[in-house]
C-alpha cells in the first residue's frame, strides 16, 4: 500500500524512464504482496486482519494503476470500469461477510485473475509501442473475463446456503 503514491506519480509523469520505474514499482508491490501471503500461510501466521488487508492491498495497487493509466489515456475505460467496479464490489462483500463472521478466502481462480490483471497492467504501464497493442489487448481480455467470472463466483458463494454436514 505504501508504494501506491509513488506508482501513481511515476505513471502520471508519462515519460519512458518513469514508465519503466512505474512497472518496477508495480511489480515490486505485486511480488511483495504474494510473498507476504505465502509466508503467512507457510508459517501459519494468518490473521483476520491480514485476511482483510491482503486483498485490500491488491485492490488498491490494481485500482490505482488502472485509474491513473485510464486518466492518462493509456488504458481502456471499459476495462477500468469493469475492474474497479468488481474490486469495489468484492471489497464491500468481504466487509459485509466479515461483519457477519464469515471469512471469504481468495479462490484459486481469483488468484489466477489477479495474476492476469497484474500482467495486463504491467503491459499497459510499459512503453511498448503500437506493435504490442494486440498482445496487450489479448491479455487484458483474459484478465477481464476472469475478473467477471470470479466476481460472480464470489457473490454466488457468499449467498449460497451453508452445506449440511454429511453423516459418516
Protein backbone atom coordinates (compact mmCIF):
# COMPACT_ATOMS: atom_id res chain seq x y z
CA UNK A 1 0.00 0.00 0.00
CA UNK A 2 2.93 2.30 0.68
CA UNK A 3 4.03 2.01 -2.97
CA UNK A 4 0.73 3.30 -4.38
CA UNK A 5 1.54 7.06 -4.23
CA UNK A 6 4.93 6.50 -5.91
CA UNK A 7 3.29 4.32 -8.55
CA UNK A 8 0.65 6.94 -9.34
CA UNK A 9 3.27 9.69 -9.62
CA UNK A 10 5.51 7.62 -11.89
CA UNK A 11 2.63 6.71 -14.20
CA UNK A 12 1.47 10.35 -14.27
CA UNK A 13 4.91 11.58 -15.38
CA UNK A 14 4.19 9.76 -18.67
CA UNK A 15 7.80 9.59 -19.85
CA UNK A 16 9.73 6.49 -20.92
CA UNK A 17 12.11 6.22 -17.89
CA UNK A 18 9.27 6.90 -15.45
CA UNK A 19 7.15 4.23 -17.15
CA UNK A 20 9.89 1.64 -16.62
CA UNK A 21 10.25 2.76 -13.00
CA UNK A 22 6.44 2.54 -12.56
CA UNK A 23 6.48 -1.01 -13.95
CA UNK A 24 9.22 -1.94 -11.46
CA UNK A 25 7.35 -0.35 -8.54
CA UNK A 26 4.14 -2.12 -9.61
CA UNK A 27 5.97 -5.46 -9.92
CA UNK A 28 7.60 -4.98 -6.50
CA UNK A 29 4.16 -4.29 -4.99
CA UNK A 30 2.74 -7.40 -6.64
CA UNK A 31 5.65 -9.65 -5.65
CA UNK A 32 5.83 -8.45 -2.04
CA UNK A 33 2.09 -8.98 -1.71
CA UNK A 34 2.44 -12.54 -3.00
CA UNK A 35 5.44 -13.29 -0.78
CA UNK A 36 3.67 -11.86 2.25
CA UNK A 37 0.67 -14.15 1.70
CA UNK A 38 2.89 -17.17 1.09
CA UNK A 39 4.92 -16.54 4.26
CA UNK A 40 1.78 -16.06 6.36
CA UNK A 41 0.41 -19.41 5.20
CA UNK A 42 3.79 -21.18 5.35
CA UNK A 43 4.44 -20.16 8.95
CA UNK A 44 0.80 -20.41 9.96
CA UNK A 45 0.62 -16.77 10.94
CA UNK A 46 -2.59 -15.97 9.08
CA UNK A 47 -4.66 -13.39 10.95
CA UNK A 48 -8.12 -11.92 10.43
CA UNK A 49 -6.50 -8.53 9.90
CA UNK A 50 -4.15 -9.99 7.32
CA UNK A 51 -7.00 -11.77 5.57
CA UNK A 52 -8.72 -8.41 5.23
CA UNK A 53 -5.68 -6.22 4.47
CA UNK A 54 -4.07 -8.52 1.89
CA UNK A 55 -6.92 -8.36 -0.64
CA UNK A 56 -7.33 -4.65 0.11
CA UNK A 57 -3.66 -4.04 -0.75
CA UNK A 58 -4.14 -5.97 -4.04
CA UNK A 59 -7.19 -3.91 -4.90
CA UNK A 60 -5.52 -0.59 -4.07
CA UNK A 61 -2.45 -1.40 -6.16
CA UNK A 62 -4.51 -2.56 -9.14
CA UNK A 63 -7.14 0.17 -8.92
CA UNK A 64 -4.62 2.99 -8.51
CA UNK A 65 -2.67 1.85 -11.56
CA UNK A 66 -5.80 1.30 -13.67
CA UNK A 67 -7.40 4.64 -12.75
CA UNK A 68 -4.17 6.55 -13.36
CA UNK A 69 -3.47 4.82 -16.68
CA UNK A 70 -7.07 5.48 -17.77
CA UNK A 71 -6.81 9.15 -16.80
CA UNK A 72 -3.64 9.36 -18.89
CA UNK A 73 -5.44 7.80 -21.87
CA UNK A 74 -3.26 4.68 -21.76
CA UNK A 75 -5.82 2.10 -20.57
CA UNK A 76 -9.28 1.33 -21.98
CA UNK A 77 -12.07 2.96 -19.99
CA UNK A 78 -14.40 -0.04 -20.41
CA UNK A 79 -11.80 -2.34 -18.81
CA UNK A 80 -11.12 0.11 -15.99
CA UNK A 81 -14.83 0.32 -15.16
CA UNK A 82 -15.14 -3.48 -15.03
CA UNK A 83 -12.01 -3.96 -12.92
CA UNK A 84 -12.64 -1.15 -10.43
CA UNK A 85 -16.36 -1.97 -10.09
CA UNK A 86 -15.59 -5.62 -9.41
CA UNK A 87 -12.85 -4.79 -6.91
CA UNK A 88 -15.06 -2.32 -5.02
CA UNK A 89 -17.98 -4.74 -5.05
CA UNK A 90 -15.96 -7.68 -3.77
CA UNK A 91 -14.34 -5.48 -1.12
CA UNK A 92 -17.80 -4.43 0.09
CA UNK A 93 -18.90 -8.07 0.05
CA UNK A 94 -15.87 -9.07 2.15
CA UNK A 95 -16.66 -6.34 4.67
CA UNK A 96 -20.30 -7.46 4.86
CA UNK A 97 -19.33 -11.09 5.34
CA UNK A 98 -16.62 -10.16 7.85
CA UNK A 99 -19.13 -8.25 9.96
CA UNK A 100 -21.22 -11.42 9.99
CA UNK A 101 -18.24 -13.59 10.97
CA UNK A 102 -17.84 -15.26 7.59
CA UNK A 103 -14.40 -15.04 6.01
CA UNK A 104 -14.11 -15.10 2.21
CA UNK A 105 -10.68 -16.51 1.35
CA UNK A 106 -9.39 -15.99 -2.16
CA UNK A 107 -10.22 -18.79 -4.56
CA UNK A 108 -7.62 -20.32 -6.86
CA UNK A 109 -9.45 -18.75 -9.81
CA UNK A 110 -9.28 -15.33 -8.14
CA UNK A 111 -5.52 -15.73 -7.69
CA UNK A 112 -5.22 -16.52 -11.41
CA UNK A 113 -7.39 -13.44 -12.09
CA UNK A 114 -5.08 -11.29 -10.02
CA UNK A 115 -2.05 -12.60 -11.91
CA UNK A 116 -3.72 -11.91 -15.26
CA UNK A 117 -4.62 -8.39 -14.13
CA UNK A 118 -1.08 -7.74 -12.92
CA UNK A 119 0.44 -8.90 -16.22
CA UNK A 120 -2.04 -6.83 -18.23
CA UNK A 121 -1.39 -3.73 -16.16
CA UNK A 122 2.39 -4.08 -16.45
CA UNK A 123 1.99 -4.35 -20.23
CA UNK A 124 -0.05 -1.13 -20.23
CA UNK A 125 2.45 0.65 -17.96
CA UNK A 126 5.42 -0.21 -20.16
CA UNK A 127 6.04 1.97 -23.23
CA UNK A 128 5.83 -0.93 -25.70
CA UNK A 129 4.61 0.97 -28.74
CA UNK A 130 1.76 0.22 -31.14
CA UNK A 131 3.25 -3.13 -32.22
CA UNK A 132 2.27 -4.60 -28.86
CA UNK A 133 -1.34 -3.39 -28.90
CA UNK A 134 -2.85 -6.74 -29.91
CA UNK A 135 -0.89 -8.69 -27.29
CA UNK A 136 -1.80 -6.16 -24.58
CA UNK A 137 -5.46 -6.32 -25.52
CA UNK A 138 -5.45 -10.14 -25.61
CA UNK A 139 -4.00 -10.36 -22.10
CA UNK A 140 -6.44 -7.68 -20.92
CA UNK A 141 -9.44 -9.57 -22.35
CA UNK A 142 -8.38 -12.72 -20.49
CA UNK A 143 -8.00 -10.68 -17.29
CA UNK A 144 -11.44 -9.10 -17.78
CA UNK A 145 -13.13 -12.46 -18.37
CA UNK A 146 -11.53 -13.82 -15.20
CA UNK A 147 -12.47 -10.62 -13.34
CA UNK A 148 -16.15 -11.04 -14.20
CA UNK A 149 -16.28 -14.82 -13.69
CA UNK A 150 -14.57 -14.73 -10.29
CA UNK A 151 -16.70 -11.78 -9.18
CA UNK A 152 -19.87 -13.70 -9.98
CA UNK A 153 -18.43 -16.78 -8.27
CA UNK A 154 -17.75 -14.82 -5.06
CA UNK A 155 -21.30 -13.47 -5.00
CA UNK A 156 -22.77 -16.94 -5.53
CA UNK A 157 -20.57 -18.46 -2.81
CA UNK A 158 -21.33 -15.61 -0.41
CA UNK A 159 -25.08 -16.08 -0.59
CA UNK A 160 -25.25 -19.85 -1.05
CA UNK A 161 -26.82 -21.55 1.96
CA UNK A 162 -24.24 -23.37 4.12
CA UNK A 163 -23.82 -27.05 3.36
CA UNK A 164 -25.26 -29.53 5.80
CA UNK A 165 -22.67 -31.78 7.43
CA UNK A 166 -22.74 -35.29 5.97
CA UNK A 167 -23.25 -38.24 8.24
CA UNK A 168 -20.32 -40.68 8.49
